[in-house]
C-alpha atoms as a PDB file:
ATOM      1  CA  MET A   1       5.805  40.885  10.928  1.00  0.00           C
ATOM      2  CA  PRO A   2       3.729  38.565  13.135  1.00  0.00           C
ATOM      3  CA  ALA A   3       2.716  35.236  11.698  1.00  0.00           C
ATOM      4  CA  THR A   4      -0.857  34.932  10.549  1.00  0.00           C
ATOM      5  CA  ARG A   5      -2.796  32.550  12.738  1.00  0.00           C
ATOM      6  CA  ARG A   6      -4.537  29.911  10.691  1.00  0.00           C
ATOM      7  CA  PRO A   7      -7.959  28.738  11.771  1.00  0.00           C
ATOM      8  CA  THR A   8      -7.972  25.365  13.478  1.00  0.00           C
ATOM      9  CA  LYS A   9      -8.839  22.620  11.046  1.00  0.00           C
ATOM     10  CA  GLY A  10     -12.506  21.774  11.360  1.00  0.00           C
ATOM     11  CA  GLY A  11     -13.156  24.613  13.820  1.00  0.00           C
ATOM     12  CA  PRO A  12     -16.106  26.337  12.085  1.00  0.00           C
ATOM     13  CA  ALA A  13     -17.569  22.999  11.018  1.00  0.00           C
ATOM     14  CA  LYS A  14     -17.319  21.705  14.578  1.00  0.00           C
ATOM     15  CA  ALA A  15     -19.052  24.802  15.922  1.00  0.00           C
ATOM     16  CA  THR A  16     -21.824  24.469  13.345  1.00  0.00           C
ATOM     17  CA  ARG A  17     -22.241  20.770  14.103  1.00  0.00           C
ATOM     18  CA  ALA A  18     -22.433  21.437  17.845  1.00  0.00           C
ATOM     19  CA  SER A  19     -24.970  24.230  17.269  1.00  0.00           C
ATOM     20  CA  ARG A  20     -27.199  21.988  15.180  1.00  0.00           C
ATOM     21  CA  LEU A  21     -26.871  19.190  17.691  1.00  0.00           C
ATOM     22  CA  ALA A  22     -27.715  21.491  20.612  1.00  0.00           C
ATOM     23  CA  GLU A  23     -30.881  22.564  18.813  1.00  0.00           C
ATOM     24  CA  GLU A  24     -31.851  18.942  18.061  1.00  0.00           C
ATOM     25  CA  ILE A  25     -31.455  17.991  21.727  1.00  0.00           C
ATOM     26  CA  ARG A  26     -33.226  21.170  22.826  1.00  0.00           C
ATOM     27  CA  GLN A  27     -36.228  20.288  20.678  1.00  0.00           C
ATOM     28  CA  ALA A  28     -36.255  16.777  22.134  1.00  0.00           C
ATOM     29  CA  ILE A  29     -36.417  18.303  25.622  1.00  0.00           C
ATOM     30  CA  LEU A  30     -39.087  20.860  24.707  1.00  0.00           C
ATOM     31  CA  SER A  31     -41.243  18.211  23.034  1.00  0.00           C
ATOM     32  CA  GLY A  32     -41.040  15.963  26.085  1.00  0.00           C
ATOM     33  CA  GLU A  33     -39.223  13.191  24.203  1.00  0.00           C
ATOM     34  CA  MET A  34     -36.436  13.630  26.771  1.00  0.00           C
ATOM     35  CA  GLU A  35     -38.426  13.765  29.985  1.00  0.00           C
ATOM     36  CA  PRO A  36     -37.664  16.024  32.972  1.00  0.00           C
ATOM     37  CA  GLY A  37     -35.232  14.325  35.322  1.00  0.00           C
ATOM     38  CA  SER A  38     -34.177  11.699  32.783  1.00  0.00           C
ATOM     39  CA  ARG A  39     -30.514  10.901  32.339  1.00  0.00           C
ATOM     40  CA  VAL A  40     -28.680  12.428  29.375  1.00  0.00           C
ATOM     41  CA  ASN A  41     -26.505   9.611  28.033  1.00  0.00           C
ATOM     42  CA  LEU A  42     -23.736  11.097  25.910  1.00  0.00           C
ATOM     43  CA  ASP A  43     -22.867   7.819  24.198  1.00  0.00           C
ATOM     44  CA  ARG A  44     -26.465   7.231  23.154  1.00  0.00           C
ATOM     45  CA  LEU A  45     -26.704  10.766  21.785  1.00  0.00           C
ATOM     46  CA  ARG A  46     -23.485  10.212  19.857  1.00  0.00           C
ATOM     47  CA  GLU A  47     -24.882   7.024  18.319  1.00  0.00           C
ATOM     48  CA  ARG A  48     -28.285   8.555  17.619  1.00  0.00           C
ATOM     49  CA  PHE A  49     -26.906  11.550  15.726  1.00  0.00           C
ATOM     50  CA  GLY A  50     -23.904   9.777  14.197  1.00  0.00           C
ATOM     51  CA  VAL A  51     -21.304  12.210  15.526  1.00  0.00           C
ATOM     52  CA  SER A  52     -18.205  12.053  17.700  1.00  0.00           C
ATOM     53  CA  LEU A  53     -18.321  12.607  21.445  1.00  0.00           C
ATOM     54  CA  SER A  54     -16.753  16.091  21.265  1.00  0.00           C
ATOM     55  CA  PRO A  55     -19.686  17.959  19.630  1.00  0.00           C
ATOM     56  CA  VAL A  56     -22.115  16.053  21.886  1.00  0.00           C
ATOM     57  CA  ARG A  57     -20.299  17.323  24.976  1.00  0.00           C
ATOM     58  CA  GLU A  58     -20.237  20.846  23.586  1.00  0.00           C
ATOM     59  CA  ALA A  59     -23.941  20.727  22.723  1.00  0.00           C
ATOM     60  CA  VAL A  60     -24.919  19.436  26.172  1.00  0.00           C
ATOM     61  CA  ALA A  61     -22.723  22.079  27.830  1.00  0.00           C
ATOM     62  CA  ARG A  62     -24.663  24.756  25.924  1.00  0.00           C
ATOM     63  CA  LEU A  63     -27.924  23.310  27.237  1.00  0.00           C
ATOM     64  CA  VAL A  64     -26.537  23.389  30.791  1.00  0.00           C
ATOM     65  CA  HIS A  65     -25.900  27.099  30.252  1.00  0.00           C
ATOM     66  CA  ALA A  66     -29.468  27.449  28.945  1.00  0.00           C
ATOM     67  CA  GLY A  67     -30.920  25.817  32.068  1.00  0.00           C
ATOM     68  CA  LEU A  68     -32.401  22.830  30.217  1.00  0.00           C
ATOM     69  CA  VAL A  69     -29.815  20.280  31.406  1.00  0.00           C
ATOM     70  CA  GLU A  70     -28.224  19.907  34.836  1.00  0.00           C
ATOM     71  CA  PHE A  71     -24.884  18.349  35.816  1.00  0.00           C
ATOM     72  CA  GLU A  72     -24.438  16.471  39.081  1.00  0.00           C
ATOM     73  CA  ASP A  73     -21.084  15.245  40.396  1.00  0.00           C
ATOM     74  CA  GLN A  74     -20.765  11.473  40.203  1.00  0.00           C
ATOM     75  CA  ARG A  75     -24.152  11.249  38.453  1.00  0.00           C
ATOM     76  CA  GLY A  76     -23.612  13.016  35.144  1.00  0.00           C
ATOM     77  CA  TYR A  77     -26.134  14.978  33.104  1.00  0.00           C
ATOM     78  CA  ARG A  78     -29.904  15.011  33.541  1.00  0.00           C
ATOM     79  CA  VAL A  79     -32.735  16.908  31.893  1.00  0.00           C
ATOM     80  CA  ALA A  80     -33.701  19.742  34.239  1.00  0.00           C
ATOM     81  CA  GLN A  81     -36.800  19.174  36.325  1.00  0.00           C
ATOM     82  CA  VAL A  82     -39.937  21.290  35.999  1.00  0.00           C
ATOM     83  CA  SER A  83     -42.094  22.567  38.854  1.00  0.00           C
ATOM     84  CA  ALA A  84     -44.576  25.271  39.763  1.00  0.00           C
ATOM     85  CA  ASP A  85     -41.927  26.990  41.897  1.00  0.00           C
ATOM     86  CA  ASN A  86     -39.423  26.951  39.052  1.00  0.00           C
ATOM     87  CA  LEU A  87     -41.982  28.436  36.669  1.00  0.00           C
ATOM     88  CA  ALA A  88     -42.810  31.195  39.175  1.00  0.00           C
ATOM     89  CA  GLU A  89     -39.110  32.035  39.529  1.00  0.00           C
ATOM     90  CA  VAL A  90     -38.577  32.093  35.762  1.00  0.00           C
ATOM     91  CA  THR A  91     -41.593  34.379  35.329  1.00  0.00           C
ATOM     92  CA  ARG A  92     -40.464  36.810  38.026  1.00  0.00           C
ATOM     93  CA  LEU A  93     -36.877  37.020  36.798  1.00  0.00           C
ATOM     94  CA  ARG A  94     -37.920  37.374  33.171  1.00  0.00           C
ATOM     95  CA  ALA A  95     -40.406  40.136  34.021  1.00  0.00           C
ATOM     96  CA  GLU A  96     -37.720  42.049  35.940  1.00  0.00           C
ATOM     97  CA  LEU A  97     -34.897  41.719  33.417  1.00  0.00           C
ATOM     98  CA  GLU A  98     -36.781  41.992  30.147  1.00  0.00           C
ATOM     99  CA  SER A  99     -38.781  45.024  31.276  1.00  0.00           C
ATOM    100  CA  LEU A 100     -35.479  46.667  32.254  1.00  0.00           C
ATOM    101  CA  ALA A 101     -33.988  45.871  28.844  1.00  0.00           C
ATOM    102  CA  ALA A 102     -37.054  47.116  26.952  1.00  0.00           C
ATOM    103  CA  GLY A 103     -36.965  50.438  28.787  1.00  0.00           C
ATOM    104  CA  LEU A 104     -33.262  50.889  28.081  1.00  0.00           C
ATOM    105  CA  ALA A 105     -33.817  50.016  24.411  1.00  0.00           C
ATOM    106  CA  ALA A 106     -36.550  52.654  24.135  1.00  0.00           C
ATOM    107  CA  GLU A 107     -34.120  55.241  25.524  1.00  0.00           C
ATOM    108  CA  ARG A 108     -30.917  54.226  23.741  1.00  0.00           C
ATOM    109  CA  ALA A 109     -31.490  52.301  20.521  1.00  0.00           C
ATOM    110  CA  GLY A 110     -31.205  53.901  17.090  1.00  0.00           C
ATOM    111  CA  LEU A 111     -33.261  53.790  13.921  1.00  0.00           C
ATOM    112  CA  ASP A 112     -31.749  50.503  12.753  1.00  0.00           C
ATOM    113  CA  TRP A 113     -33.075  48.772  15.870  1.00  0.00           C
ATOM    114  CA  GLU A 114     -36.462  50.395  15.342  1.00  0.00           C
ATOM    115  CA  GLY A 115     -36.721  48.879  11.858  1.00  0.00           C
ATOM    116  CA  GLU A 116     -35.413  45.500  13.015  1.00  0.00           C
ATOM    117  CA  VAL A 117     -37.870  45.152  15.875  1.00  0.00           C
ATOM    118  CA  MET A 118     -40.795  46.126  13.653  1.00  0.00           C
ATOM    119  CA  ALA A 119     -39.712  43.568  11.051  1.00  0.00           C
ATOM    120  CA  ALA A 120     -39.424  40.906  13.762  1.00  0.00           C
ATOM    121  CA  LEU A 121     -42.933  41.783  14.949  1.00  0.00           C
ATOM    122  CA  HIS A 122     -44.280  41.461  11.405  1.00  0.00           C
ATOM    123  CA  ARG A 123     -42.753  37.982  11.045  1.00  0.00           C
ATOM    124  CA  LEU A 124     -44.091  36.902  14.434  1.00  0.00           C
ATOM    125  CA  ASN A 125     -47.618  38.064  13.629  1.00  0.00           C
ATOM    126  CA  ARG A 126     -47.624  35.946  10.465  1.00  0.00           C
ATOM    127  CA  VAL A 127     -46.680  32.672  12.187  1.00  0.00           C
ATOM    128  CA  ASP A 128     -49.371  30.322  13.481  1.00  0.00           C
ATOM    129  CA  PRO A 129     -48.815  29.635  17.235  1.00  0.00           C
ATOM    130  CA  ALA A 130     -49.838  26.026  16.527  1.00  0.00           C
ATOM    131  CA  ASP A 131     -46.563  25.696  14.569  1.00  0.00           C
ATOM    132  CA  ALA A 132     -44.515  25.199  17.724  1.00  0.00           C
ATOM    133  CA  PHE A 133     -41.081  25.192  16.078  1.00  0.00           C
ATOM    134  CA  GLY A 134     -41.737  28.110  13.716  1.00  0.00           C
ATOM    135  CA  TRP A 135     -43.504  30.177  16.353  1.00  0.00           C
ATOM    136  CA  ASP A 136     -40.746  29.611  18.923  1.00  0.00           C
ATOM    137  CA  ALA A 137     -38.140  30.801  16.429  1.00  0.00           C
ATOM    138  CA  ALA A 138     -40.073  33.935  15.436  1.00  0.00           C
ATOM    139  CA  HIS A 139     -40.979  34.700  19.051  1.00  0.00           C
ATOM    140  CA  ALA A 140     -37.380  34.307  20.212  1.00  0.00           C
ATOM    141  CA  THR A 141     -36.141  36.537  17.378  1.00  0.00           C
ATOM    142  CA  PHE A 142     -38.624  39.237  18.339  1.00  0.00           C
ATOM    143  CA  HIS A 143     -37.640  39.277  21.998  1.00  0.00           C
ATOM    144  CA  HIS A 144     -33.903  39.020  21.287  1.00  0.00           C
ATOM    145  CA  THR A 145     -34.226  41.986  18.939  1.00  0.00           C
ATOM    146  CA  LEU A 146     -36.273  43.960  21.464  1.00  0.00           C
ATOM    147  CA  VAL A 147     -33.863  43.524  24.381  1.00  0.00           C
ATOM    148  CA  GLY A 148     -30.829  43.813  22.100  1.00  0.00           C
ATOM    149  CA  GLY A 149     -31.592  47.502  21.754  1.00  0.00           C
ATOM    150  CA  ALA A 150     -30.444  48.000  25.344  1.00  0.00           C
ATOM    151  CA  GLY A 151     -26.859  47.451  24.188  1.00  0.00           C
ATOM    152  CA  MET A 152     -26.057  45.177  27.166  1.00  0.00           C
ATOM    153  CA  PRO A 153     -24.953  41.701  25.985  1.00  0.00           C
ATOM    154  CA  ILE A 154     -24.947  40.092  29.440  1.00  0.00           C
ATOM    155  CA  LEU A 155     -28.488  41.293  30.098  1.00  0.00           C
ATOM    156  CA  SER A 156     -29.561  40.027  26.668  1.00  0.00           C
ATOM    157  CA  ASP A 157     -28.001  36.637  27.423  1.00  0.00           C
ATOM    158  CA  PHE A 158     -29.924  36.299  30.689  1.00  0.00           C
ATOM    159  CA  CYS A 159     -33.145  37.328  28.950  1.00  0.00           C
ATOM    160  CA  ALA A 160     -32.586  34.680  26.268  1.00  0.00           C
ATOM    161  CA  ILE A 161     -32.082  31.941  28.870  1.00  0.00           C
ATOM    162  CA  LEU A 162     -35.260  32.886  30.731  1.00  0.00           C
ATOM    163  CA  LEU A 163     -37.265  33.081  27.510  1.00  0.00           C
ATOM    164  CA  GLY A 164     -36.085  29.572  26.599  1.00  0.00           C
ATOM    165  CA  LEU A 165     -37.239  28.263  29.978  1.00  0.00           C
ATOM    166  CA  HIS A 166     -40.635  29.936  29.523  1.00  0.00           C
ATOM    167  CA  GLU A 167     -40.903  28.298  26.098  1.00  0.00           C
ATOM    168  CA  ARG A 168     -40.423  24.914  27.741  1.00  0.00           C
ATOM    169  CA  TYR A 169     -43.452  25.482  29.955  1.00  0.00           C
ATOM    170  CA  ARG A 170     -45.384  26.756  26.931  1.00  0.00           C
ATOM    171  CA  ARG A 171     -44.834  23.414  25.218  1.00  0.00           C
ATOM    172  CA  ILE A 172     -45.791  21.510  28.368  1.00  0.00           C
ATOM    173  CA  GLY A 173     -48.987  23.545  28.595  1.00  0.00           C
ATOM    174  CA  GLY A 174     -49.991  22.800  25.020  1.00  0.00           C
ATOM    175  CA  ASN A 175     -48.389  25.731  23.152  1.00  0.00           C
ATOM    176  CA  THR A 176     -50.079  28.370  25.315  1.00  0.00           C
ATOM    177  CA  PRO A 177     -49.783  31.654  23.342  1.00  0.00           C
ATOM    178  CA  PRO A 178     -48.825  34.933  25.051  1.00  0.00           C
ATOM    179  CA  PRO A 179     -51.335  37.754  25.609  1.00  0.00           C
ATOM    180  CA  THR A 180     -52.421  39.924  22.707  1.00  0.00           C
ATOM    181  CA  GLY A 181     -54.160  43.284  22.571  1.00  0.00           C
ATOM    182  CA  ALA A 182     -53.342  45.873  25.233  1.00  0.00           C
ATOM    183  CA  ALA A 183     -50.449  43.842  26.663  1.00  0.00           C
ATOM    184  CA  GLY A 184     -49.384  42.213  23.390  1.00  0.00           C
ATOM    185  CA  HIS A 185     -46.332  42.496  21.180  1.00  0.00           C
ATOM    186  CA  ASP A 186     -47.854  45.216  18.983  1.00  0.00           C
ATOM    187  CA  ALA A 187     -48.459  47.461  21.995  1.00  0.00           C
ATOM    188  CA  ILE A 188     -44.901  46.886  23.221  1.00  0.00           C
ATOM    189  CA  VAL A 189     -43.398  47.873  19.858  1.00  0.00           C
ATOM    190  CA  GLU A 190     -45.647  50.919  19.622  1.00  0.00           C
ATOM    191  CA  ALA A 191     -44.478  52.137  23.048  1.00  0.00           C
ATOM    192  CA  ALA A 192     -40.790  51.202  22.803  1.00  0.00           C
ATOM    193  CA  ALA A 193     -39.901  51.725  19.134  1.00  0.00           C
ATOM    194  CA  LEU A 194     -42.392  54.319  17.893  1.00  0.00           C
ATOM    195  CA  ARG A 195     -43.217  56.529  20.879  1.00  0.00           C
ATOM    196  CA  ARG A 196     -39.935  55.839  22.674  1.00  0.00           C
ATOM    197  CA  ASP A 197     -41.824  55.773  25.963  1.00  0.00           C
ATOM    198  CA  ALA A 198     -39.471  53.821  28.231  1.00  0.00           C
ATOM    199  CA  GLN A 199     -41.834  53.726  31.195  1.00  0.00           C
ATOM    200  CA  ALA A 200     -44.745  52.415  29.115  1.00  0.00           C
ATOM    201  CA  ALA A 201     -42.466  49.865  27.444  1.00  0.00           C
ATOM    202  CA  ARG A 202     -41.331  48.545  30.821  1.00  0.00           C
ATOM    203  CA  GLN A 203     -44.887  48.328  32.114  1.00  0.00           C
ATOM    204  CA  LEU A 204     -46.208  46.575  29.005  1.00  0.00           C
ATOM    205  CA  VAL A 205     -43.393  44.024  28.905  1.00  0.00           C
ATOM    206  CA  ARG A 206     -43.830  43.259  32.607  1.00  0.00           C
ATOM    207  CA  ALA A 207     -47.613  42.944  32.210  1.00  0.00           C
ATOM    208  CA  GLN A 208     -47.276  40.598  29.238  1.00  0.00           C
ATOM    209  CA  ILE A 209     -44.751  38.311  30.922  1.00  0.00           C
ATOM    210  CA  GLU A 210     -46.630  38.189  34.230  1.00  0.00           C
ATOM    211  CA  ASP A 211     -49.937  37.514  32.460  1.00  0.00           C
ATOM    212  CA  TRP A 212     -48.369  34.787  30.347  1.00  0.00           C
ATOM    213  CA  GLY A 213     -46.698  33.318  33.439  1.00  0.00           C
ATOM    214  CA  GLU A 214     -50.064  33.074  35.203  1.00  0.00           C
ATOM    215  CA  ARG A 215     -51.616  31.303  32.239  1.00  0.00           C
ATOM    216  CA  LEU A 216     -48.651  28.954  31.959  1.00  0.00           C
ATOM    217  CA  ALA A 217     -48.966  28.185  35.686  1.00  0.00           C
ATOM    218  CA  ARG A 218     -52.638  27.254  35.286  1.00  0.00           C
ATOM    219  CA  ARG A 219     -51.878  25.056  32.286  1.00  0.00           C
ATOM    220  CA  PHE A 220     -48.949  23.449  34.124  1.00  0.00           C
ATOM    221  CA  GLU A 221     -51.149  22.706  37.140  1.00  0.00           C
ATOM    222  CA  ASP A 222     -53.735  21.096  34.857  1.00  0.00           C
ATOM    223  CA  HIS A 223     -51.008  19.114  33.121  1.00  0.00           C
ATOM    224  CA  THR A 224     -49.456  17.796  36.344  1.00  0.00           C
ATOM    225  CA  SER A 225     -52.863  16.992  37.833  1.00  0.00           C
ATOM    226  CA  HIS A 226     -53.772  14.993  34.746  1.00  0.00           C
ATOM    227  CA  ALA A 227     -50.391  13.257  34.636  1.00  0.00           C
ATOM    228  CA  SER A 228     -50.615  12.203  38.303  1.00  0.00           C
ATOM    229  CA  ARG A 229     -54.254  11.089  38.102  1.00  0.00           C
ATOM    230  CA  PRO A 230     -54.484   7.284  38.209  1.00  0.00           C
ATOM    231  CA  THR A 231     -56.121   5.722  35.187  1.00  0.00           C
ATOM    232  CA  THR A 232     -57.733   2.307  35.291  1.00  0.00           C
ATOM    233  CA  ARG A 233     -59.148   0.143  32.598  1.00  0.00           C
ATOM    234  CA  ASN A 234     -62.574   0.280  34.216  1.00  0.00           C
ATOM    235  CA  SER A 235     -62.738   4.068  34.469  1.00  0.00           C
ATOM    236  CA  LEU A 236     -61.774   4.498  30.816  1.00  0.00           C
ATOM    237  CA  GLN A 237     -63.588   1.631  29.156  1.00  0.00           C
ATOM    238  CA  GLY A 238     -66.544   0.867  31.460  1.00  0.00           C
END
C-alpha cells in the first residue's frame, strides 16, 4: 500500500499569505501608491508587511504573471509602465478573447452557470462604482463567471489578466465605469444566459469592451496631459 503523502508543513498557510500579499501589492499598484516604472524592492516589501522573503517573491511573481510587474535581467522588478499604446492593445485583446469566451459559454454552459452569472450580475448592480475596491471585486467576479462558462481554463486565465490590466487604467482615469444600457452587463446576461444567443453575446461583449476602452483612453489622455502640464506658483496662486 503506497504511503500517504503528508502536506508540507506551512504549505496552505504560505499560499494564503502569498495570496493576501499579492492582493495588497496589487492594490498599491492600482491606487498609484507604487508608481508605473518604479522599482519593486523585495526587502522593503518584506519589512513593510512583516513577512519573510519567500511569500514576497511568490506574490511578486504572481503580479508578473498578471502583467502588473515586470522583471528585467540585472535590474530586478519594476512596476509595469502604462501608455496609450498599451491600453489600446489590452482593449483589443480583451475584446477578442472575452467575446469568444462569452459566445462559447452561451453555447455550452449549463443551468448552474446560468444561475451563477445572474447572481454575479445582481451583486455587481448593487455595488457603487465609487467604491473602487468593492466594485473591482464584484466586476471581476461577474466577468470570471461569464467567461468560465466556456469551459476553457487557459482562455479564462488570459481574460482575467486582461481585465486586471483594464482595471488599472480605470483607476488611473478616476474609476471610469463601463457602459450601461444596450451594451451593458444586463444586456450581455440576457443574450448569453437567458436567450442563449451566442452571436449576440459576442457582439455585446465586444461592444462593451471597445466602448469602455475608448472612454478609458480619453480619460488616460486627460490624465497624462494634466500630469505633464507644468505648474507654477504664479499660475496657481496669482
